């Protein structure tokens, strides 16, 4: 919406700033941050009024001494605030007719609805498992594949979308892949990212803090891919229109920072699956857009650690009857080691920042 103000620069010169995606991305970040902070108290109040308290998903899975009964009184489903802030900020600051931005908004809202449905079942039915796992996975895969298909049909993505790029390599590793492989790979990335963020969301501020680093990193990738000169210099794909997604990614960062105001220890609310599925899926789609899917394993290193720790634990126990970690996801392992919640969160944030910088470094090592 604000983009159109640039057309009035004849009347007032500084309005030409609205032509620049960097200016609008900063505006989107600040707007989302402001919306999250301003409407945070109202969101907490409404969630408490509707008794949006999900039952503990850790009871019976971890030792009783690790359970914190006070967290059961903290309302969930706070992801509504994040999604609403991102959506409104993007609509205000992004170029309205940009097809890629609309695809990202569709993905964010659709996955948020899946998460909301899951959270609602947990809250209303007092069922910690939420909706059946197969149904949840089916919906995630369907939304991810549909988003990837729409993205692939975008003129700027028709050719590059069928390629697979590897870190440190200038030329694509695979080209002209069949449609079913492209959609399957995209669904794998998005669903994996979505569920990894969901697994990480077990400590106050942990998942949302790491999401800030990931979204800002991929905002940088999107800006560079959308700039012909920078893309050519760095030997990365030039994707016309991709730079507009910087506004969306910046809005995610702003909304997460604002949400962190109420989610830091001790949390006033949790984002629940409503927020974690939407954030993870959106970050996965950002990686697909800029063709840095493999680098996501590095940029989202904390999320990968959490997900892989669960897989290793399950595989080890089923195959050998032994556990590798004291408890999973891995943040619970360190909790058993004696780390406080604040130590776990801050140290994982530090790791997330380091992983993000390492991911950006791959731009120059080719």
Protein backbone atom coordinates (compact mmCIF):
# COMPACT_ATOMS: atom_id res chain seq x y z
CA UNK A 1 0.00 0.00 0.00
CA UNK A 2 2.70 2.51 1.02
CA UNK A 3 4.58 1.67 -2.19
CA UNK A 4 2.13 3.82 -4.14
CA UNK A 5 3.18 6.89 -2.15
CA UNK A 6 6.35 6.89 -4.23
CA UNK A 7 4.23 8.02 -7.18
CA UNK A 8 3.65 11.31 -5.39
CA UNK A 9 7.34 12.22 -5.31
CA UNK A 10 6.63 15.12 -7.67
CA UNK A 11 4.67 16.71 -4.85
CA UNK A 12 7.15 15.80 -2.11
CA UNK A 13 10.58 14.51 -3.09
CA UNK A 14 11.38 12.31 -0.06
CA UNK A 15 8.41 10.08 -0.96
CA UNK A 16 10.68 8.46 -3.56
CA UNK A 17 12.11 6.47 -0.64
CA UNK A 18 9.11 4.19 -0.94
CA UNK A 19 10.53 2.92 -4.22
CA UNK A 20 13.44 1.33 -2.32
CA UNK A 21 12.87 -2.15 -0.94
CA UNK A 22 15.42 -1.59 1.84
CA UNK A 23 13.42 1.37 3.16
CA UNK A 24 10.15 -0.55 2.99
CA UNK A 25 11.73 -3.61 4.62
CA UNK A 26 12.84 -1.42 7.52
CA UNK A 27 9.32 -0.01 7.72
CA UNK A 28 7.82 -3.51 7.72
CA UNK A 29 10.18 -4.66 10.47
CA UNK A 30 9.37 -1.67 12.65
CA UNK A 31 5.61 -1.95 11.97
CA UNK A 32 5.52 -5.66 12.83
CA UNK A 33 7.58 -5.00 15.95
CA UNK A 34 5.24 -2.21 17.02
CA UNK A 35 2.11 -4.25 16.36
CA UNK A 36 3.45 -7.20 18.36
CA UNK A 37 4.38 -5.06 21.33
CA UNK A 38 1.20 -2.96 21.32
CA UNK A 39 -1.22 -5.86 20.93
CA UNK A 40 0.75 -8.32 23.06
CA UNK A 41 -1.08 -7.54 26.32
CA UNK A 42 -4.47 -7.78 24.59
CA UNK A 43 -3.50 -11.12 23.05
CA UNK A 44 -2.42 -12.51 26.43
CA UNK A 45 -5.64 -11.26 28.02
CA UNK A 46 -7.85 -12.84 25.35
CA UNK A 47 -5.98 -16.15 25.42
CA UNK A 48 -6.37 -16.31 29.19
CA UNK A 49 -10.06 -15.43 28.95
CA UNK A 50 -10.63 -18.34 26.58
CA UNK A 51 -8.45 -20.61 28.75
CA UNK A 52 -6.06 -21.36 25.90
CA UNK A 53 -3.83 -23.51 28.06
CA UNK A 54 -2.49 -26.57 26.28
CA UNK A 55 -1.71 -29.65 28.39
CA UNK A 56 1.98 -30.36 28.91
CA UNK A 57 3.36 -32.41 26.04
CA UNK A 58 6.30 -33.49 28.22
CA UNK A 59 4.38 -35.30 30.96
CA UNK A 60 5.36 -38.94 30.89
CA UNK A 61 8.19 -38.26 28.44
CA UNK A 62 10.66 -36.58 30.79
CA UNK A 63 11.38 -37.04 34.50
CA UNK A 64 8.82 -35.37 36.77
CA UNK A 65 11.47 -33.09 38.27
CA UNK A 66 11.90 -31.47 34.86
CA UNK A 67 8.23 -30.56 34.61
CA UNK A 68 7.31 -27.00 35.51
CA UNK A 69 3.64 -26.82 36.55
CA UNK A 70 3.62 -23.01 36.29
CA UNK A 71 4.12 -23.29 32.52
CA UNK A 72 0.81 -25.14 32.24
CA UNK A 73 -0.87 -21.87 33.27
CA UNK A 74 0.78 -19.94 30.44
CA UNK A 75 -1.58 -19.53 27.45
CA UNK A 76 -0.61 -21.00 24.10
CA UNK A 77 -1.66 -20.03 20.54
CA UNK A 78 0.23 -16.72 20.77
CA UNK A 79 1.42 -17.35 17.22
CA UNK A 80 -1.77 -15.57 16.17
CA UNK A 81 -0.05 -12.32 17.13
CA UNK A 82 3.04 -13.12 15.04
CA UNK A 83 1.07 -14.14 11.95
CA UNK A 84 -1.28 -11.15 12.16
CA UNK A 85 1.62 -8.72 12.59
CA UNK A 86 3.56 -10.18 9.67
CA UNK A 87 0.52 -10.25 7.38
CA UNK A 88 -0.57 -6.69 8.08
CA UNK A 89 2.97 -5.29 7.86
CA UNK A 90 3.62 -7.06 4.57
CA UNK A 91 0.37 -5.81 3.06
CA UNK A 92 1.24 -2.26 4.11
CA UNK A 93 4.84 -2.17 2.90
CA UNK A 94 5.26 -4.71 0.08
CA UNK A 95 4.46 -4.17 -3.60
CA UNK A 96 0.82 -5.39 -3.76
CA UNK A 97 0.99 -6.97 -7.21
CA UNK A 98 4.12 -9.01 -6.51
CA UNK A 99 3.08 -12.64 -7.05
CA UNK A 100 5.90 -14.07 -4.95
CA UNK A 101 4.89 -12.05 -1.87
CA UNK A 102 1.31 -13.31 -2.19
CA UNK A 103 2.58 -16.91 -2.30
CA UNK A 104 4.50 -16.33 0.92
CA UNK A 105 1.45 -14.84 2.63
CA UNK A 106 -0.63 -17.82 1.49
CA UNK A 107 1.95 -20.20 2.97
CA UNK A 108 2.22 -18.32 6.26
CA UNK A 109 -1.54 -18.14 6.81
CA UNK A 110 -2.28 -21.69 5.64
CA UNK A 111 0.31 -23.29 7.91
CA UNK A 112 -0.84 -21.04 10.75
CA UNK A 113 -4.38 -22.38 10.28
CA UNK A 114 -3.08 -25.96 10.50
CA UNK A 115 -1.22 -25.05 13.67
CA UNK A 116 -4.28 -23.25 15.05
CA UNK A 117 -6.44 -26.31 14.43
CA UNK A 118 -3.84 -28.46 16.20
CA UNK A 119 -3.62 -26.04 19.14
CA UNK A 120 -7.41 -25.81 19.37
CA UNK A 121 -7.73 -29.58 19.72
CA UNK A 122 -5.06 -29.55 22.44
CA UNK A 123 -6.81 -26.74 24.32
CA UNK A 124 -10.46 -27.74 23.83
CA UNK A 125 -10.05 -31.52 24.11
CA UNK A 126 -7.14 -31.40 26.57
CA UNK A 127 -5.33 -33.74 24.22
CA UNK A 128 -1.60 -33.04 24.20
CA UNK A 129 -1.17 -34.79 20.83
CA UNK A 130 -3.55 -32.45 19.00
CA UNK A 131 -4.83 -33.56 15.61
CA UNK A 132 -3.71 -36.97 14.28
CA UNK A 133 -0.10 -36.89 13.14
CA UNK A 134 -0.89 -38.27 9.67
CA UNK A 135 -3.53 -35.61 9.05
CA UNK A 136 -1.17 -32.88 10.21
CA UNK A 137 1.62 -34.18 7.96
CA UNK A 138 -0.77 -34.50 5.01
CA UNK A 139 -1.87 -30.88 5.38
CA UNK A 140 1.71 -29.66 5.72
CA UNK A 141 2.84 -31.57 2.64
CA UNK A 142 -0.16 -30.41 0.63
CA UNK A 143 0.33 -26.73 1.49
CA UNK A 144 4.09 -26.94 0.90
CA UNK A 145 3.72 -28.64 -2.49
CA UNK A 146 1.02 -26.16 -3.55
CA UNK A 147 3.17 -23.18 -2.54
CA UNK A 148 6.15 -24.64 -4.42
CA UNK A 149 3.98 -25.22 -7.49
CA UNK A 150 2.74 -21.62 -7.49
CA UNK A 151 6.32 -20.44 -7.04
CA UNK A 152 7.50 -22.62 -9.91
CA UNK A 153 4.83 -21.10 -12.16
CA UNK A 154 6.20 -17.63 -11.51
CA UNK A 155 7.99 -16.47 -14.70
CA UNK A 156 11.23 -15.67 -12.89
CA UNK A 157 11.32 -19.14 -11.31
CA UNK A 158 10.30 -21.40 -14.21
CA UNK A 159 13.87 -22.34 -15.12
CA UNK A 160 15.83 -21.81 -11.91
CA UNK A 161 13.13 -23.56 -9.89
CA UNK A 162 14.03 -26.93 -11.43
CA UNK A 163 17.67 -26.68 -10.36
CA UNK A 164 19.48 -27.77 -7.22
CA UNK A 165 22.41 -25.65 -6.08
CA UNK A 166 25.11 -26.76 -3.68
CA UNK A 167 27.04 -24.50 -1.30
CA UNK A 168 30.47 -23.34 -2.53
CA UNK A 169 29.57 -24.21 -6.15
CA UNK A 170 28.89 -21.68 -8.91
CA UNK A 171 27.04 -24.02 -11.23
CA UNK A 172 23.88 -26.02 -10.39
CA UNK A 173 24.44 -29.62 -9.35
CA UNK A 174 21.20 -30.76 -10.97
CA UNK A 175 19.15 -29.11 -13.72
CA UNK A 176 15.80 -29.62 -15.43
CA UNK A 177 14.50 -31.88 -12.70
CA UNK A 178 11.04 -33.44 -13.17
CA UNK A 179 8.18 -31.57 -11.56
CA UNK A 180 7.39 -34.31 -9.04
CA UNK A 181 10.97 -34.31 -7.74
CA UNK A 182 10.99 -30.52 -7.42
CA UNK A 183 7.69 -30.47 -5.52
CA UNK A 184 8.74 -33.41 -3.33
CA UNK A 185 12.05 -31.79 -2.47
CA UNK A 186 10.33 -28.48 -1.68
CA UNK A 187 7.77 -30.23 0.54
CA UNK A 188 10.58 -32.05 2.36
CA UNK A 189 12.41 -28.77 3.04
CA UNK A 190 9.32 -26.89 4.20
CA UNK A 191 7.80 -29.65 6.31
CA UNK A 192 11.19 -30.44 7.85
CA UNK A 193 11.80 -26.79 8.68
CA UNK A 194 8.28 -26.37 10.04
CA UNK A 195 8.52 -29.37 12.36
CA UNK A 196 12.08 -28.53 13.42
CA UNK A 197 10.96 -25.10 14.64
CA UNK A 198 8.06 -26.81 16.41
CA UNK A 199 10.46 -29.16 18.24
CA UNK A 200 12.68 -26.22 19.23
CA UNK A 201 9.75 -24.38 20.78
CA UNK A 202 10.27 -25.92 24.21
CA UNK A 203 11.94 -23.10 26.14
CA UNK A 204 10.87 -19.51 26.64
CA UNK A 205 12.09 -17.47 23.68
CA UNK A 206 14.22 -20.24 22.16
CA UNK A 207 12.46 -20.87 18.84
CA UNK A 208 11.35 -17.31 18.22
CA UNK A 209 14.85 -15.95 18.92
CA UNK A 210 16.48 -18.37 16.49
CA UNK A 211 13.80 -17.53 13.89
CA UNK A 212 14.97 -13.91 13.97
CA UNK A 213 18.48 -14.90 12.87
CA UNK A 214 17.16 -17.20 10.13
CA UNK A 215 14.69 -14.69 8.70
CA UNK A 216 17.24 -11.87 8.60
CA UNK A 217 19.79 -14.14 6.92
CA UNK A 218 17.36 -15.16 4.19
CA UNK A 219 16.22 -11.55 3.84
CA UNK A 220 19.85 -10.82 2.87
CA UNK A 221 19.88 -13.72 0.40
CA UNK A 222 16.61 -12.53 -1.15
CA UNK A 223 17.87 -8.97 -1.53
CA UNK A 224 21.07 -10.13 -3.25
CA UNK A 225 19.23 -12.55 -5.55
CA UNK A 226 16.85 -9.79 -6.57
CA UNK A 227 19.69 -7.39 -7.46
CA UNK A 228 21.17 -8.18 -10.88
CA UNK A 229 24.61 -6.68 -10.19
CA UNK A 230 25.06 -8.30 -6.79
CA UNK A 231 23.77 -11.65 -8.03
CA UNK A 232 26.20 -11.63 -10.93
CA UNK A 233 29.13 -10.62 -8.72
CA UNK A 234 28.40 -13.35 -6.15
CA UNK A 235 27.59 -16.02 -8.77
CA UNK A 236 24.13 -16.66 -7.34
CA UNK A 237 20.86 -16.89 -9.31
CA UNK A 238 19.28 -13.59 -10.34
CA UNK A 239 15.57 -13.83 -9.53
CA UNK A 240 13.55 -10.78 -10.60
CA UNK A 241 11.04 -9.82 -7.93
CA UNK A 242 12.76 -11.81 -5.17
CA UNK A 243 13.98 -8.66 -3.45
CA UNK A 244 10.37 -7.78 -2.62
CA UNK A 245 10.31 -10.81 -0.30
CA UNK A 246 12.83 -8.93 1.86
CA UNK A 247 9.82 -6.98 3.14
CA UNK A 248 8.10 -10.22 4.19
CA UNK A 249 11.25 -11.64 5.85
CA UNK A 250 11.87 -8.36 7.67
CA UNK A 251 8.28 -8.38 8.92
CA UNK A 252 8.88 -11.86 10.35
CA UNK A 253 11.98 -10.62 12.18
CA UNK A 254 10.11 -7.62 13.57
CA UNK A 255 7.11 -9.67 14.69
CA UNK A 256 9.42 -12.20 16.38
CA UNK A 257 11.33 -9.46 18.20
CA UNK A 258 8.06 -7.97 19.43
CA UNK A 259 6.73 -11.37 20.44
CA UNK A 260 9.96 -12.07 22.30
CA UNK A 261 9.05 -9.18 24.61
CA UNK A 262 6.29 -11.39 26.02
CA UNK A 263 7.85 -14.79 25.32
CA UNK A 264 11.15 -14.28 27.15
CA UNK A 265 11.57 -16.07 30.47
CA UNK A 266 9.19 -16.21 32.26
CA UNK A 267 6.90 -16.27 29.24
CA UNK A 268 3.52 -14.53 29.29
CA UNK A 269 2.39 -16.67 26.34
CA UNK A 270 3.65 -19.37 23.99
CA UNK A 271 3.31 -19.23 20.22
CA UNK A 272 2.19 -22.86 19.98
CA UNK A 273 1.91 -24.72 16.69
CA UNK A 274 0.07 -21.70 15.28
CA UNK A 275 3.33 -19.80 15.25
CA UNK A 276 5.98 -22.50 14.97
CA UNK A 277 4.53 -24.27 11.91
CA UNK A 278 3.98 -20.96 10.11
CA UNK A 279 7.45 -19.61 10.91
CA UNK A 280 9.27 -22.82 10.02
CA UNK A 281 7.40 -23.29 6.76
CA UNK A 282 7.98 -19.67 5.73
CA UNK A 283 11.70 -19.94 6.44
CA UNK A 284 11.81 -23.13 4.38
CA UNK A 285 10.06 -21.40 1.47
CA UNK A 286 12.53 -18.51 1.69
CA UNK A 287 15.35 -21.03 1.26
CA UNK A 288 13.58 -22.55 -1.76
CA UNK A 289 13.02 -19.15 -3.39
CA UNK A 290 16.70 -18.15 -3.30
CA UNK A 291 17.86 -21.71 -4.10
CA UNK A 292 19.78 -22.03 -0.83
CA UNK A 293 17.93 -25.08 0.48
CA UNK A 294 21.09 -26.96 1.47
CA UNK A 295 22.47 -23.91 3.27
CA UNK A 296 19.33 -23.94 5.44
CA UNK A 297 20.87 -26.89 7.32
CA UNK A 298 23.63 -24.46 8.35
CA UNK A 299 21.64 -21.23 8.81
CA UNK A 300 19.02 -23.10 10.84
CA UNK A 301 21.67 -25.14 12.63
CA UNK A 302 19.92 -24.96 16.01
CA UNK A 303 16.68 -26.25 14.49
CA UNK A 304 18.62 -29.06 12.80
CA UNK A 305 20.31 -29.97 16.09
CA UNK A 306 16.93 -30.25 17.79
CA UNK A 307 15.34 -32.38 15.06
CA UNK A 308 18.35 -34.64 14.50
CA UNK A 309 18.74 -35.27 18.23
CA UNK A 310 15.20 -36.66 18.32
CA UNK A 311 15.82 -38.87 15.28
CA UNK A 312 19.08 -40.21 16.72
CA UNK A 313 17.46 -40.90 20.07
CA UNK A 314 14.52 -42.77 18.56
CA UNK A 315 16.69 -44.78 16.15
CA UNK A 316 19.22 -45.69 18.83
CA UNK A 317 16.54 -46.82 21.28
CA UNK A 318 14.66 -48.90 18.72
CA UNK A 319 17.76 -50.52 17.24
CA UNK A 320 19.98 -50.95 20.28
CA UNK A 321 17.71 -50.28 23.26
CA UNK A 322 20.02 -47.47 24.39
CA UNK A 323 19.66 -43.71 24.55
CA UNK A 324 22.37 -41.42 23.20
CA UNK A 325 21.11 -38.29 25.00
CA UNK A 326 19.76 -37.88 28.49
CA UNK A 327 16.59 -36.44 26.98
CA UNK A 328 15.46 -35.00 23.64
CA UNK A 329 15.03 -32.56 21.95
CA UNK A 330 18.59 -31.68 22.78
CA UNK A 331 17.78 -28.61 24.89
CA UNK A 332 16.33 -31.02 27.45
CA UNK A 333 19.63 -32.92 27.42
CA UNK A 334 21.43 -29.79 28.57
CA UNK A 335 18.70 -29.14 31.11
CA UNK A 336 19.44 -32.55 32.61
CA UNK A 337 23.11 -31.52 32.61
CA UNK A 338 22.23 -28.69 34.97
CA UNK A 339 21.94 -25.74 32.61
CA UNK A 340 19.30 -23.20 33.58
CA UNK A 341 16.59 -22.25 31.09
CA UNK A 342 18.16 -18.84 30.51
CA UNK A 343 21.58 -20.41 29.88
CA UNK A 344 20.12 -22.82 27.34
CA UNK A 345 18.22 -20.13 25.45
CA UNK A 346 21.00 -17.53 25.34
CA UNK A 347 23.67 -20.06 24.38
CA UNK A 348 21.48 -21.46 21.61
CA UNK A 349 20.87 -17.89 20.39
CA UNK A 350 24.64 -17.40 20.22
CA UNK A 351 24.95 -20.60 18.20
CA UNK A 352 22.14 -19.46 15.92
CA UNK A 353 23.94 -16.18 15.26
CA UNK A 354 27.17 -18.01 14.47
CA UNK A 355 25.38 -20.41 12.12
CA UNK A 356 23.71 -17.47 10.37
CA UNK A 357 27.06 -15.75 9.77
CA UNK A 358 28.54 -19.00 8.48
CA UNK A 359 25.61 -19.32 6.10
CA UNK A 360 26.20 -15.81 4.77
CA UNK A 361 29.90 -16.61 4.36
CA UNK A 362 29.00 -19.25 1.75
CA UNK A 363 28.13 -16.37 -0.59
CA UNK A 364 31.80 -15.53 -1.07
CA UNK A 365 33.28 -19.03 -0.94
CA UNK A 366 32.53 -20.33 -4.43
